[in-house]
Amino acid sequence: MPTVLVTGFDPFENEPINPSWEAVRTLDGQGIAGADIVARQLPTIFGESNKVLGKLLQTLQPDVVIAVGQAGGRAEMAVERIAINVDDARIADNAGKQPIDIAIASDGPAAYFSTLPIKTIVRELRAGGVPASVSQTAGTFVCNHVFYGLMHAIARHKLPTRGGFIHIPYLPSQAAKHPGQPSMAHDTIVAGLRIAIETTLRTLHDVRETGGQLH
């Protein structure tokens, strides 16, 4: 039976919760499209997050990894296309570290593309009533750090694992403390992640349709 690892982060930047962990832990232990779902929390800490993820890849040997992170200010589920090889932190992480213009992997390429069927996922999310889009940037904080670390580990160890990253908006309780910021209900996020998992498991070749942006 296939194993799907979904990861979320602990809270950061003075938030009491992180919607990524609140959502993925709801899926832990469930069976989706014939696969076992395993949810694990990653620390919002440069370096340590990828060490934890690396151990999970070794012990679980998942067929698919979908890392999930909070992106306050975004209004949709953002399925990330690319991870870039740089840490450039606007704020300090949960260990007080704030790397600026530092390579994630000195021996790694400039970037990795997601190996999830990103455009098919977006199409199915929208068909399921979940606002979604392809995102061309995962930022340069710990989310991108983990996304790059995941894809670098897969490439370096020649794993058959497919992997990628999805950013999600604030929960309504968070947005209430950030006037004017969009949010998404917990149940909608969970439903969207289920769709993303199901779509990934049944889709080997992504659709070719527009997902580009002008800016």
N, C-alpha and C. Protein backbone atom coordinates (compact mmCIF):
# COMPACT_ATOMS: atom_id res chain seq x y z
N MET A 1 0.85 -1.20 0.00
CA MET A 1 0.00 0.00 0.00
C MET A 1 0.89 1.25 0.00
N PRO A 2 0.63 2.20 -0.87
CA PRO A 2 1.45 3.42 -0.92
C PRO A 2 1.36 4.22 0.38
N THR A 3 2.42 4.95 0.67
CA THR A 3 2.44 5.84 1.83
C THR A 3 2.61 7.27 1.35
N VAL A 4 1.78 8.15 1.86
CA VAL A 4 1.88 9.58 1.57
C VAL A 4 2.23 10.30 2.86
N LEU A 5 3.36 10.99 2.85
CA LEU A 5 3.76 11.81 3.99
C LEU A 5 3.33 13.24 3.73
N VAL A 6 2.56 13.79 4.67
CA VAL A 6 2.20 15.21 4.61
C VAL A 6 2.78 15.89 5.84
N THR A 7 3.44 17.01 5.61
CA THR A 7 4.08 17.71 6.73
C THR A 7 3.51 19.11 6.88
N GLY A 8 3.48 19.57 8.13
CA GLY A 8 3.12 20.93 8.46
C GLY A 8 4.16 21.49 9.42
N PHE A 9 4.06 22.77 9.71
CA PHE A 9 5.03 23.44 10.58
C PHE A 9 4.40 23.84 11.91
N ASP A 10 5.26 24.04 12.90
CA ASP A 10 4.80 24.62 14.15
C ASP A 10 4.59 26.12 13.95
N PRO A 11 3.89 26.78 14.87
CA PRO A 11 3.61 28.21 14.71
C PRO A 11 4.89 29.04 14.72
N PHE A 12 4.84 30.18 14.03
CA PHE A 12 5.98 31.10 14.00
C PHE A 12 5.48 32.53 13.93
N GLU A 13 6.37 33.47 14.10
CA GLU A 13 6.09 34.91 14.03
C GLU A 13 4.90 35.29 14.92
N ASN A 14 4.93 34.79 16.16
CA ASN A 14 3.96 35.14 17.20
C ASN A 14 2.54 34.66 16.93
N GLU A 15 2.37 33.76 15.95
CA GLU A 15 1.04 33.17 15.73
C GLU A 15 0.81 32.04 16.73
N PRO A 16 -0.40 31.92 17.29
CA PRO A 16 -0.66 30.85 18.26
C PRO A 16 -0.80 29.47 17.62
N ILE A 17 -1.12 29.44 16.33
CA ILE A 17 -1.29 28.17 15.61
C ILE A 17 -0.66 28.32 14.23
N ASN A 18 -0.45 27.19 13.59
CA ASN A 18 -0.03 27.18 12.19
C ASN A 18 -1.05 26.35 11.42
N PRO A 19 -1.74 26.96 10.46
CA PRO A 19 -2.80 26.23 9.76
C PRO A 19 -2.31 25.00 9.03
N SER A 20 -1.03 24.98 8.65
CA SER A 20 -0.51 23.82 7.95
C SER A 20 -0.54 22.58 8.84
N TRP A 21 -0.11 22.73 10.09
CA TRP A 21 -0.14 21.59 11.00
C TRP A 21 -1.57 21.25 11.41
N GLU A 22 -2.39 22.26 11.66
CA GLU A 22 -3.78 22.00 12.03
C GLU A 22 -4.48 21.19 10.94
N ALA A 23 -4.15 21.47 9.69
CA ALA A 23 -4.80 20.75 8.58
C ALA A 23 -4.24 19.36 8.39
N VAL A 24 -2.91 19.23 8.32
CA VAL A 24 -2.35 17.92 7.97
C VAL A 24 -2.56 16.89 9.07
N ARG A 25 -2.55 17.34 10.33
CA ARG A 25 -2.73 16.36 11.40
C ARG A 25 -4.13 15.76 11.39
N THR A 26 -5.09 16.48 10.79
CA THR A 26 -6.44 15.94 10.64
C THR A 26 -6.44 14.71 9.74
N LEU A 27 -5.48 14.65 8.82
CA LEU A 27 -5.42 13.55 7.85
C LEU A 27 -4.61 12.36 8.35
N ASP A 28 -3.91 12.52 9.47
CA ASP A 28 -3.01 11.46 9.94
C ASP A 28 -3.78 10.17 10.21
N GLY A 29 -3.27 9.08 9.64
CA GLY A 29 -3.88 7.77 9.85
C GLY A 29 -5.02 7.44 8.93
N GLN A 30 -5.43 8.38 8.10
CA GLN A 30 -6.52 8.12 7.17
C GLN A 30 -6.03 7.34 5.95
N GLY A 31 -6.95 6.72 5.28
CA GLY A 31 -6.66 6.10 4.00
C GLY A 31 -7.29 6.93 2.90
N ILE A 32 -6.50 7.33 1.94
CA ILE A 32 -7.01 8.14 0.83
C ILE A 32 -6.56 7.50 -0.47
N ALA A 33 -7.51 7.17 -1.32
CA ALA A 33 -7.22 6.59 -2.64
C ALA A 33 -6.29 5.38 -2.52
N GLY A 34 -6.52 4.57 -1.50
CA GLY A 34 -5.73 3.35 -1.33
C GLY A 34 -4.36 3.56 -0.71
N ALA A 35 -4.08 4.74 -0.19
CA ALA A 35 -2.78 5.04 0.41
C ALA A 35 -2.93 5.35 1.89
N ASP A 36 -1.88 5.03 2.64
CA ASP A 36 -1.83 5.39 4.05
C ASP A 36 -1.28 6.81 4.17
N ILE A 37 -1.94 7.63 4.97
CA ILE A 37 -1.51 9.01 5.15
C ILE A 37 -0.82 9.15 6.50
N VAL A 38 0.39 9.69 6.46
CA VAL A 38 1.16 9.93 7.67
C VAL A 38 1.46 11.42 7.76
N ALA A 39 1.04 12.05 8.85
CA ALA A 39 1.28 13.49 9.04
C ALA A 39 2.34 13.69 10.11
N ARG A 40 3.28 14.58 9.84
CA ARG A 40 4.33 14.89 10.80
C ARG A 40 4.59 16.39 10.82
N GLN A 41 4.96 16.88 12.00
CA GLN A 41 5.25 18.31 12.15
C GLN A 41 6.75 18.56 11.98
N LEU A 42 7.08 19.63 11.26
CA LEU A 42 8.46 20.07 11.10
C LEU A 42 8.66 21.36 11.89
N PRO A 43 9.85 21.55 12.45
CA PRO A 43 10.13 22.81 13.15
C PRO A 43 10.38 23.95 12.16
N THR A 44 9.92 25.12 12.49
CA THR A 44 10.17 26.29 11.64
C THR A 44 11.56 26.82 11.96
N ILE A 45 12.54 26.01 11.61
CA ILE A 45 13.94 26.31 11.90
C ILE A 45 14.79 25.89 10.71
N PHE A 46 15.60 26.81 10.21
CA PHE A 46 16.50 26.48 9.12
C PHE A 46 17.44 25.35 9.56
N GLY A 47 17.71 24.43 8.64
CA GLY A 47 18.60 23.33 8.93
C GLY A 47 17.92 22.20 9.67
N GLU A 48 17.39 22.47 10.86
CA GLU A 48 16.76 21.43 11.67
C GLU A 48 15.55 20.83 10.95
N SER A 49 14.77 21.67 10.27
CA SER A 49 13.60 21.18 9.55
C SER A 49 13.99 20.13 8.51
N ASN A 50 15.06 20.35 7.79
CA ASN A 50 15.48 19.38 6.78
C ASN A 50 16.12 18.14 7.39
N LYS A 51 16.72 18.27 8.57
CA LYS A 51 17.22 17.08 9.27
C LYS A 51 16.06 16.18 9.67
N VAL A 52 15.02 16.78 10.22
CA VAL A 52 13.84 16.01 10.61
C VAL A 52 13.20 15.36 9.38
N LEU A 53 13.07 16.13 8.31
CA LEU A 53 12.49 15.60 7.08
C LEU A 53 13.33 14.46 6.52
N GLY A 54 14.65 14.60 6.54
CA GLY A 54 15.52 13.56 6.04
C GLY A 54 15.33 12.25 6.78
N LYS A 55 15.18 12.32 8.10
CA LYS A 55 14.94 11.11 8.90
C LYS A 55 13.59 10.48 8.55
N LEU A 56 12.60 11.31 8.30
CA LEU A 56 11.29 10.79 7.92
C LEU A 56 11.35 10.07 6.58
N LEU A 57 12.12 10.62 5.63
CA LEU A 57 12.27 9.96 4.34
C LEU A 57 12.93 8.59 4.50
N GLN A 58 13.89 8.50 5.39
CA GLN A 58 14.58 7.24 5.62
C GLN A 58 13.70 6.21 6.28
N THR A 59 12.96 6.62 7.30
CA THR A 59 12.18 5.65 8.08
C THR A 59 10.86 5.27 7.42
N LEU A 60 10.20 6.24 6.81
CA LEU A 60 8.88 5.98 6.21
C LEU A 60 8.95 5.52 4.76
N GLN A 61 10.00 5.93 4.05
CA GLN A 61 10.14 5.63 2.62
C GLN A 61 8.83 5.90 1.87
N PRO A 62 8.33 7.12 1.97
CA PRO A 62 7.02 7.43 1.36
C PRO A 62 7.09 7.45 -0.16
N ASP A 63 5.95 7.15 -0.76
CA ASP A 63 5.84 7.22 -2.21
C ASP A 63 5.61 8.66 -2.67
N VAL A 64 4.96 9.44 -1.83
CA VAL A 64 4.66 10.85 -2.13
C VAL A 64 4.89 11.66 -0.86
N VAL A 65 5.47 12.84 -1.02
CA VAL A 65 5.58 13.79 0.08
C VAL A 65 4.96 15.11 -0.36
N ILE A 66 4.01 15.59 0.42
CA ILE A 66 3.44 16.91 0.20
C ILE A 66 3.69 17.73 1.45
N ALA A 67 4.60 18.68 1.35
CA ALA A 67 4.88 19.59 2.45
C ALA A 67 3.92 20.77 2.35
N VAL A 68 3.42 21.21 3.48
CA VAL A 68 2.41 22.27 3.53
C VAL A 68 2.89 23.37 4.47
N GLY A 69 2.66 24.62 4.08
CA GLY A 69 3.09 25.73 4.91
C GLY A 69 2.13 26.90 4.86
N GLN A 70 2.19 27.72 5.89
CA GLN A 70 1.36 28.93 5.99
C GLN A 70 1.92 30.04 5.12
N ALA A 71 1.04 30.70 4.40
CA ALA A 71 1.41 31.88 3.63
C ALA A 71 0.38 32.96 3.90
N GLY A 72 0.56 33.68 5.02
CA GLY A 72 -0.37 34.75 5.35
C GLY A 72 -0.40 35.80 4.26
N GLY A 73 -1.59 36.18 3.84
CA GLY A 73 -1.75 37.14 2.77
C GLY A 73 -2.22 36.53 1.47
N ARG A 74 -1.99 35.23 1.31
CA ARG A 74 -2.51 34.57 0.11
C ARG A 74 -3.95 34.17 0.33
N ALA A 75 -4.72 34.20 -0.75
CA ALA A 75 -6.15 33.93 -0.65
C ALA A 75 -6.53 32.55 -1.17
N GLU A 76 -5.57 31.83 -1.75
CA GLU A 76 -5.85 30.53 -2.37
C GLU A 76 -4.87 29.49 -1.86
N MET A 77 -5.19 28.23 -2.11
CA MET A 77 -4.20 27.19 -1.95
C MET A 77 -3.22 27.34 -3.11
N ALA A 78 -1.96 27.57 -2.80
CA ALA A 78 -0.95 27.86 -3.81
C ALA A 78 -0.06 26.64 -4.00
N VAL A 79 -0.21 25.98 -5.13
CA VAL A 79 0.58 24.78 -5.42
C VAL A 79 1.89 25.25 -6.04
N GLU A 80 2.99 25.03 -5.33
CA GLU A 80 4.27 25.59 -5.73
C GLU A 80 4.90 24.83 -6.89
N ARG A 81 5.46 25.60 -7.82
CA ARG A 81 6.13 25.02 -8.98
C ARG A 81 7.60 24.73 -8.72
N ILE A 82 8.30 25.65 -8.00
CA ILE A 82 9.76 25.61 -7.98
C ILE A 82 10.32 25.99 -6.61
N ALA A 83 11.38 25.29 -6.22
CA ALA A 83 12.14 25.61 -5.01
C ALA A 83 13.51 26.12 -5.42
N ILE A 84 13.96 27.21 -4.80
CA ILE A 84 15.24 27.79 -5.18
C ILE A 84 16.28 27.62 -4.06
N ASN A 85 17.53 27.57 -4.46
CA ASN A 85 18.62 27.23 -3.55
C ASN A 85 19.15 28.46 -2.80
N VAL A 86 18.29 29.06 -2.00
CA VAL A 86 18.73 30.22 -1.20
C VAL A 86 17.83 30.39 0.02
N ASP A 87 18.48 30.71 1.14
CA ASP A 87 17.78 31.17 2.34
C ASP A 87 18.01 32.67 2.45
N ASP A 88 16.92 33.43 2.56
CA ASP A 88 17.01 34.88 2.67
C ASP A 88 15.85 35.32 3.55
N ALA A 89 16.05 35.26 4.86
CA ALA A 89 14.95 35.36 5.81
C ALA A 89 14.59 36.80 6.14
N ARG A 90 13.31 37.14 5.96
CA ARG A 90 12.81 38.46 6.36
C ARG A 90 12.76 38.58 7.87
N ILE A 91 12.49 37.46 8.55
CA ILE A 91 12.42 37.42 10.01
C ILE A 91 13.26 36.25 10.50
N ALA A 92 13.53 36.24 11.79
CA ALA A 92 14.24 35.11 12.38
C ALA A 92 13.32 33.90 12.48
N ASP A 93 13.92 32.71 12.39
CA ASP A 93 13.14 31.49 12.57
C ASP A 93 12.90 31.25 14.06
N ASN A 94 12.34 30.10 14.40
CA ASN A 94 11.99 29.84 15.79
C ASN A 94 13.19 29.55 16.69
N ALA A 95 14.38 29.48 16.09
CA ALA A 95 15.61 29.34 16.88
C ALA A 95 16.40 30.65 16.89
N GLY A 96 15.81 31.70 16.33
CA GLY A 96 16.47 33.00 16.31
C GLY A 96 17.47 33.18 15.18
N LYS A 97 17.48 32.24 14.22
CA LYS A 97 18.41 32.32 13.10
C LYS A 97 17.77 33.08 11.94
N GLN A 98 18.56 33.93 11.30
CA GLN A 98 18.07 34.72 10.17
C GLN A 98 19.12 34.73 9.06
N PRO A 99 19.25 33.62 8.33
CA PRO A 99 20.24 33.58 7.24
C PRO A 99 19.85 34.52 6.11
N ILE A 100 20.85 35.15 5.53
CA ILE A 100 20.62 36.08 4.41
C ILE A 100 21.54 35.69 3.27
N ASP A 101 20.95 35.41 2.13
CA ASP A 101 21.69 35.09 0.90
C ASP A 101 22.65 33.91 1.10
N ILE A 102 22.13 32.85 1.73
CA ILE A 102 22.91 31.65 1.99
C ILE A 102 22.34 30.49 1.18
N ALA A 103 23.21 29.74 0.51
CA ALA A 103 22.76 28.58 -0.24
C ALA A 103 22.26 27.49 0.72
N ILE A 104 21.17 26.84 0.34
CA ILE A 104 20.65 25.73 1.13
C ILE A 104 21.57 24.52 1.01
N ALA A 105 22.01 24.24 -0.21
CA ALA A 105 22.91 23.13 -0.48
C ALA A 105 24.04 23.63 -1.37
N SER A 106 25.25 23.66 -0.84
CA SER A 106 26.38 24.20 -1.60
C SER A 106 26.68 23.37 -2.84
N ASP A 107 26.28 22.10 -2.82
CA ASP A 107 26.53 21.22 -3.96
C ASP A 107 25.29 21.01 -4.82
N GLY A 108 24.24 21.82 -4.57
CA GLY A 108 22.98 21.62 -5.27
C GLY A 108 22.78 22.58 -6.42
N PRO A 109 21.85 22.25 -7.30
CA PRO A 109 21.54 23.15 -8.42
C PRO A 109 20.80 24.39 -7.94
N ALA A 110 20.62 25.33 -8.85
CA ALA A 110 19.95 26.58 -8.48
C ALA A 110 18.51 26.36 -8.06
N ALA A 111 17.87 25.34 -8.63
CA ALA A 111 16.46 25.14 -8.34
C ALA A 111 16.04 23.71 -8.67
N TYR A 112 14.91 23.33 -8.09
CA TYR A 112 14.25 22.07 -8.41
C TYR A 112 12.79 22.36 -8.71
N PHE A 113 12.23 21.64 -9.67
CA PHE A 113 10.80 21.70 -9.93
C PHE A 113 10.07 20.64 -9.11
N SER A 114 8.85 20.96 -8.71
CA SER A 114 7.98 19.99 -8.08
C SER A 114 7.77 18.80 -9.01
N THR A 115 7.64 17.62 -8.44
CA THR A 115 7.30 16.45 -9.25
C THR A 115 5.85 16.01 -9.00
N LEU A 116 5.08 16.88 -8.36
CA LEU A 116 3.64 16.66 -8.26
C LEU A 116 2.98 17.15 -9.55
N PRO A 117 1.80 16.63 -9.88
CA PRO A 117 1.06 17.12 -11.05
C PRO A 117 0.38 18.44 -10.70
N ILE A 118 1.15 19.52 -10.68
CA ILE A 118 0.69 20.76 -10.07
C ILE A 118 -0.53 21.37 -10.77
N LYS A 119 -0.54 21.31 -12.08
CA LYS A 119 -1.66 21.93 -12.80
C LYS A 119 -2.92 21.08 -12.72
N THR A 120 -2.75 19.77 -12.70
CA THR A 120 -3.91 18.90 -12.52
C THR A 120 -4.48 19.09 -11.13
N ILE A 121 -3.62 19.24 -10.13
CA ILE A 121 -4.09 19.49 -8.77
C ILE A 121 -4.90 20.79 -8.72
N VAL A 122 -4.37 21.86 -9.32
CA VAL A 122 -5.10 23.13 -9.31
C VAL A 122 -6.45 23.00 -10.01
N ARG A 123 -6.46 22.32 -11.15
CA ARG A 123 -7.73 22.12 -11.87
C ARG A 123 -8.74 21.39 -11.00
N GLU A 124 -8.30 20.32 -10.32
CA GLU A 124 -9.21 19.53 -9.50
C GLU A 124 -9.64 20.28 -8.25
N LEU A 125 -8.74 21.08 -7.68
CA LEU A 125 -9.12 21.90 -6.53
C LEU A 125 -10.23 22.88 -6.92
N ARG A 126 -10.04 23.55 -8.03
CA ARG A 126 -11.06 24.50 -8.47
C ARG A 126 -12.37 23.81 -8.77
N ALA A 127 -12.30 22.62 -9.39
CA ALA A 127 -13.52 21.87 -9.68
C ALA A 127 -14.22 21.45 -8.39
N GLY A 128 -13.45 21.27 -7.34
CA GLY A 128 -14.02 20.90 -6.05
C GLY A 128 -14.43 22.09 -5.20
N GLY A 129 -14.38 23.30 -5.76
CA GLY A 129 -14.81 24.49 -5.05
C GLY A 129 -13.77 25.08 -4.11
N VAL A 130 -12.50 24.69 -4.30
CA VAL A 130 -11.43 25.21 -3.46
C VAL A 130 -10.60 26.21 -4.27
N PRO A 131 -10.53 27.47 -3.86
CA PRO A 131 -9.70 28.44 -4.58
C PRO A 131 -8.24 27.98 -4.62
N ALA A 132 -7.65 28.01 -5.83
CA ALA A 132 -6.29 27.48 -5.97
C ALA A 132 -5.62 28.09 -7.19
N SER A 133 -4.29 28.07 -7.16
CA SER A 133 -3.51 28.53 -8.30
C SER A 133 -2.13 27.92 -8.24
N VAL A 134 -1.46 27.91 -9.40
CA VAL A 134 -0.04 27.57 -9.43
C VAL A 134 0.73 28.78 -8.93
N SER A 135 1.67 28.55 -8.04
CA SER A 135 2.53 29.62 -7.54
C SER A 135 3.93 29.46 -8.11
N GLN A 136 4.52 30.58 -8.50
CA GLN A 136 5.86 30.55 -9.09
C GLN A 136 6.96 30.85 -8.06
N THR A 137 6.59 31.08 -6.81
CA THR A 137 7.60 31.31 -5.78
C THR A 137 7.13 30.79 -4.43
N ALA A 138 7.98 30.03 -3.79
CA ALA A 138 7.70 29.53 -2.45
C ALA A 138 8.36 30.40 -1.39
N GLY A 139 8.84 31.58 -1.81
CA GLY A 139 9.49 32.49 -0.88
C GLY A 139 10.94 32.09 -0.64
N THR A 140 11.53 32.64 0.41
CA THR A 140 12.91 32.31 0.77
C THR A 140 13.05 32.07 2.26
N PHE A 141 11.94 31.72 2.91
CA PHE A 141 11.97 31.40 4.34
C PHE A 141 12.02 29.88 4.50
N VAL A 142 11.54 29.36 5.62
CA VAL A 142 11.70 27.93 5.91
C VAL A 142 10.85 27.05 4.99
N CYS A 143 9.76 27.57 4.46
CA CYS A 143 8.95 26.78 3.52
C CYS A 143 9.76 26.41 2.28
N ASN A 144 10.37 27.40 1.65
CA ASN A 144 11.21 27.11 0.49
C ASN A 144 12.40 26.25 0.89
N HIS A 145 12.94 26.49 2.07
CA HIS A 145 14.07 25.71 2.59
C HIS A 145 13.71 24.22 2.62
N VAL A 146 12.53 23.91 3.13
CA VAL A 146 12.07 22.51 3.21
C VAL A 146 11.75 21.96 1.83
N PHE A 147 11.10 22.75 1.00
CA PHE A 147 10.77 22.32 -0.36
C PHE A 147 12.04 21.97 -1.10
N TYR A 148 13.04 22.84 -1.04
CA TYR A 148 14.31 22.55 -1.72
C TYR A 148 14.99 21.34 -1.08
N GLY A 149 15.01 21.31 0.25
CA GLY A 149 15.64 20.19 0.93
C GLY A 149 15.02 18.86 0.57
N LEU A 150 13.69 18.84 0.44
CA LEU A 150 12.99 17.63 0.04
C LEU A 150 13.42 17.17 -1.34
N MET A 151 13.40 18.09 -2.29
CA MET A 151 13.72 17.71 -3.67
C MET A 151 15.21 17.35 -3.82
N HIS A 152 16.06 18.02 -3.04
CA HIS A 152 17.49 17.71 -3.08
C HIS A 152 17.75 16.31 -2.52
N ALA A 153 17.07 15.96 -1.45
CA ALA A 153 17.22 14.63 -0.87
C ALA A 153 16.74 13.55 -1.84
N ILE A 154 15.63 13.80 -2.49
CA ILE A 154 15.10 12.85 -3.47
C ILE A 154 16.10 12.65 -4.61
N ALA A 155 16.65 13.76 -5.10
CA ALA A 155 17.61 13.68 -6.22
C ALA A 155 18.92 13.03 -5.79
N ARG A 156 19.44 13.42 -4.63
CA ARG A 156 20.74 12.93 -4.17
C ARG A 156 20.72 11.44 -3.89
N HIS A 157 19.61 10.96 -3.33
CA HIS A 157 19.52 9.54 -2.98
C HIS A 157 18.79 8.71 -4.03
N LYS A 158 18.44 9.38 -5.15
CA LYS A 158 17.78 8.70 -6.27
C LYS A 158 16.52 7.96 -5.80
N LEU A 159 15.72 8.66 -5.02
CA LEU A 159 14.50 8.07 -4.49
C LEU A 159 13.39 8.10 -5.54
N PRO A 160 12.50 7.11 -5.52
CA PRO A 160 11.36 7.14 -6.45
C PRO A 160 10.23 8.05 -5.98
N THR A 161 10.43 8.70 -4.86
CA THR A 161 9.41 9.55 -4.23
C THR A 161 9.07 10.75 -5.11
N ARG A 162 7.79 11.05 -5.20
CA ARG A 162 7.36 12.31 -5.81
C ARG A 162 7.10 13.32 -4.69
N GLY A 163 7.52 14.56 -4.92
CA GLY A 163 7.39 15.54 -3.85
C GLY A 163 7.05 16.93 -4.34
N GLY A 164 6.54 17.72 -3.41
CA GLY A 164 6.22 19.11 -3.72
C GLY A 164 5.71 19.84 -2.50
N PHE A 165 5.26 21.06 -2.72
CA PHE A 165 4.88 21.95 -1.62
C PHE A 165 3.60 22.70 -1.96
N ILE A 166 2.76 22.87 -0.95
CA ILE A 166 1.53 23.66 -1.09
C ILE A 166 1.46 24.68 0.03
N HIS A 167 1.28 25.95 -0.34
CA HIS A 167 1.06 27.01 0.64
C HIS A 167 -0.44 27.22 0.85
N ILE A 168 -0.81 27.52 2.08
CA ILE A 168 -2.22 27.73 2.40
C ILE A 168 -2.39 29.06 3.12
N PRO A 169 -3.60 29.65 3.06
CA PRO A 169 -3.84 30.94 3.72
C PRO A 169 -3.95 30.80 5.24
N TYR A 170 -4.09 31.94 5.89
CA TYR A 170 -4.43 31.97 7.30
C TYR A 170 -5.77 31.26 7.53
N LEU A 171 -5.96 30.76 8.73
CA LEU A 171 -7.28 30.38 9.19
C LEU A 171 -8.06 31.64 9.58
N PRO A 172 -9.40 31.59 9.60
CA PRO A 172 -10.18 32.79 9.96
C PRO A 172 -9.80 33.38 11.31
N SER A 173 -9.49 32.55 12.30
CA SER A 173 -9.13 33.07 13.61
C SER A 173 -7.84 33.87 13.56
N GLN A 174 -6.94 33.52 12.65
CA GLN A 174 -5.71 34.30 12.47
C GLN A 174 -5.98 35.60 11.73
N ALA A 175 -6.77 35.49 10.66
CA ALA A 175 -7.05 36.67 9.84
C ALA A 175 -7.79 37.72 10.64
N ALA A 176 -8.56 37.30 11.65
CA ALA A 176 -9.28 38.26 12.49
C ALA A 176 -8.32 39.18 13.22
N LYS A 177 -7.08 38.72 13.43
CA LYS A 177 -6.07 39.54 14.10
C LYS A 177 -5.20 40.30 13.10
N HIS A 178 -5.47 40.08 11.81
CA HIS A 178 -4.74 40.78 10.75
C HIS A 178 -5.76 41.39 9.80
N PRO A 179 -6.36 42.51 10.18
CA PRO A 179 -7.45 43.10 9.37
C PRO A 179 -7.06 43.25 7.91
N GLY A 180 -7.99 42.82 7.05
CA GLY A 180 -7.79 42.93 5.61
C GLY A 180 -7.12 41.72 4.97
N GLN A 181 -6.62 40.80 5.80
CA GLN A 181 -5.96 39.61 5.25
C GLN A 181 -6.98 38.52 4.94
N PRO A 182 -6.81 37.82 3.83
CA PRO A 182 -7.73 36.73 3.48
C PRO A 182 -7.50 35.51 4.36
N SER A 183 -8.47 34.62 4.34
CA SER A 183 -8.37 33.39 5.12
C SER A 183 -9.10 32.27 4.40
N MET A 184 -8.93 31.06 4.91
CA MET A 184 -9.62 29.90 4.38
C MET A 184 -10.01 29.00 5.55
N ALA A 185 -11.22 28.48 5.51
CA ALA A 185 -11.71 27.64 6.60
C ALA A 185 -10.91 26.34 6.69
N HIS A 186 -10.74 25.86 7.90
CA HIS A 186 -10.00 24.62 8.14
C HIS A 186 -10.54 23.47 7.31
N ASP A 187 -11.86 23.30 7.29
CA ASP A 187 -12.45 22.18 6.56
C ASP A 187 -12.19 22.29 5.06
N THR A 188 -12.15 23.52 4.54
CA THR A 188 -11.85 23.71 3.12
C THR A 188 -10.41 23.33 2.82
N ILE A 189 -9.49 23.71 3.70
CA ILE A 189 -8.08 23.35 3.51
C ILE A 189 -7.92 21.84 3.54
N VAL A 190 -8.53 21.19 4.52
CA VAL A 190 -8.42 19.73 4.62
C VAL A 190 -8.99 19.06 3.38
N ALA A 191 -10.16 19.53 2.93
CA ALA A 191 -10.75 18.97 1.71
C ALA A 191 -9.82 19.18 0.52
N GLY A 192 -9.17 20.35 0.45
CA GLY A 192 -8.24 20.62 -0.63
C GLY A 192 -7.03 19.71 -0.59
N LEU A 193 -6.52 19.44 0.59
CA LEU A 193 -5.38 18.53 0.69
C LEU A 193 -5.76 17.11 0.30
N ARG A 194 -6.96 16.70 0.64
CA ARG A 194 -7.44 15.38 0.21
C ARG A 194 -7.48 15.31 -1.32
N ILE A 195 -7.97 16.37 -1.94
CA ILE A 195 -8.02 16.41 -3.40
C ILE A 195 -6.62 16.35 -3.98
N ALA A 196 -5.69 17.10 -3.38
CA ALA A 196 -4.31 17.11 -3.87
C ALA A 196 -3.68 15.73 -3.77
N ILE A 197 -3.93 15.04 -2.68
CA ILE A 197 -3.39 13.69 -2.50
C ILE A 197 -4.00 12.72 -3.50
N GLU A 198 -5.33 12.73 -3.60
CA GLU A 198 -6.01 11.83 -4.54
C GLU A 198 -5.55 12.08 -5.96
N THR A 199 -5.43 13.34 -6.34
CA THR A 199 -5.03 13.68 -7.70
C THR A 199 -3.61 13.22 -7.98
N THR A 200 -2.72 13.41 -7.02
CA THR A 200 -1.33 12.98 -7.20
C THR A 200 -1.24 11.48 -7.38
N LEU A 201 -1.98 10.73 -6.58
CA LEU A 201 -1.91 9.27 -6.63
C LEU A 201 -2.43 8.70 -7.94
N ARG A 202 -3.37 9.39 -8.56
CA ARG A 202 -3.95 8.83 -9.79
C ARG A 202 -3.39 9.47 -11.06
N THR A 203 -2.49 10.46 -10.91
CA THR A 203 -2.00 11.20 -12.07
C THR A 203 -0.50 11.03 -12.21
N LEU A 204 -0.07 10.42 -13.29
CA LEU A 204 1.35 10.25 -13.55
C LEU A 204 1.89 11.35 -14.45
N HIS A 205 1.05 11.90 -15.32
CA HIS A 205 1.49 12.93 -16.26
C HIS A 205 0.58 14.15 -16.12
N ASP A 206 1.18 15.29 -15.85
CA ASP A 206 0.42 16.51 -15.62
C ASP A 206 -0.22 17.01 -16.91
N VAL A 207 -1.30 17.75 -16.76
CA VAL A 207 -1.94 18.36 -17.91
C VAL A 207 -1.11 19.55 -18.39
N ARG A 208 -1.23 19.90 -19.64
CA ARG A 208 -0.56 21.08 -20.19
C ARG A 208 -1.63 22.14 -20.42
N GLU A 209 -1.74 23.04 -19.46
CA GLU A 209 -2.66 24.15 -19.58
C GLU A 209 -2.06 25.33 -18.82
N THR A 210 -2.56 26.51 -19.10
CA THR A 210 -1.93 27.70 -18.55
C THR A 210 -1.96 27.71 -17.03
N GLY A 211 -0.83 28.12 -16.47
CA GLY A 211 -0.71 28.32 -15.02
C GLY A 211 0.29 29.43 -14.77
N GLY A 212 0.65 30.13 -15.85
CA GLY A 212 1.65 31.18 -15.74
C GLY A 212 1.09 32.48 -15.23
N GLN A 213 1.98 33.38 -14.92
CA GLN A 213 1.61 34.70 -14.41
C GLN A 213 2.41 35.77 -15.13
N LEU A 214 1.83 36.97 -15.20
CA LEU A 214 2.52 38.08 -15.83
C LEU A 214 3.48 38.77 -14.85
N HIS A 215 3.19 38.65 -13.57
CA HIS A 215 4.04 39.31 -12.56
C HIS A 215 3.93 38.59 -11.26
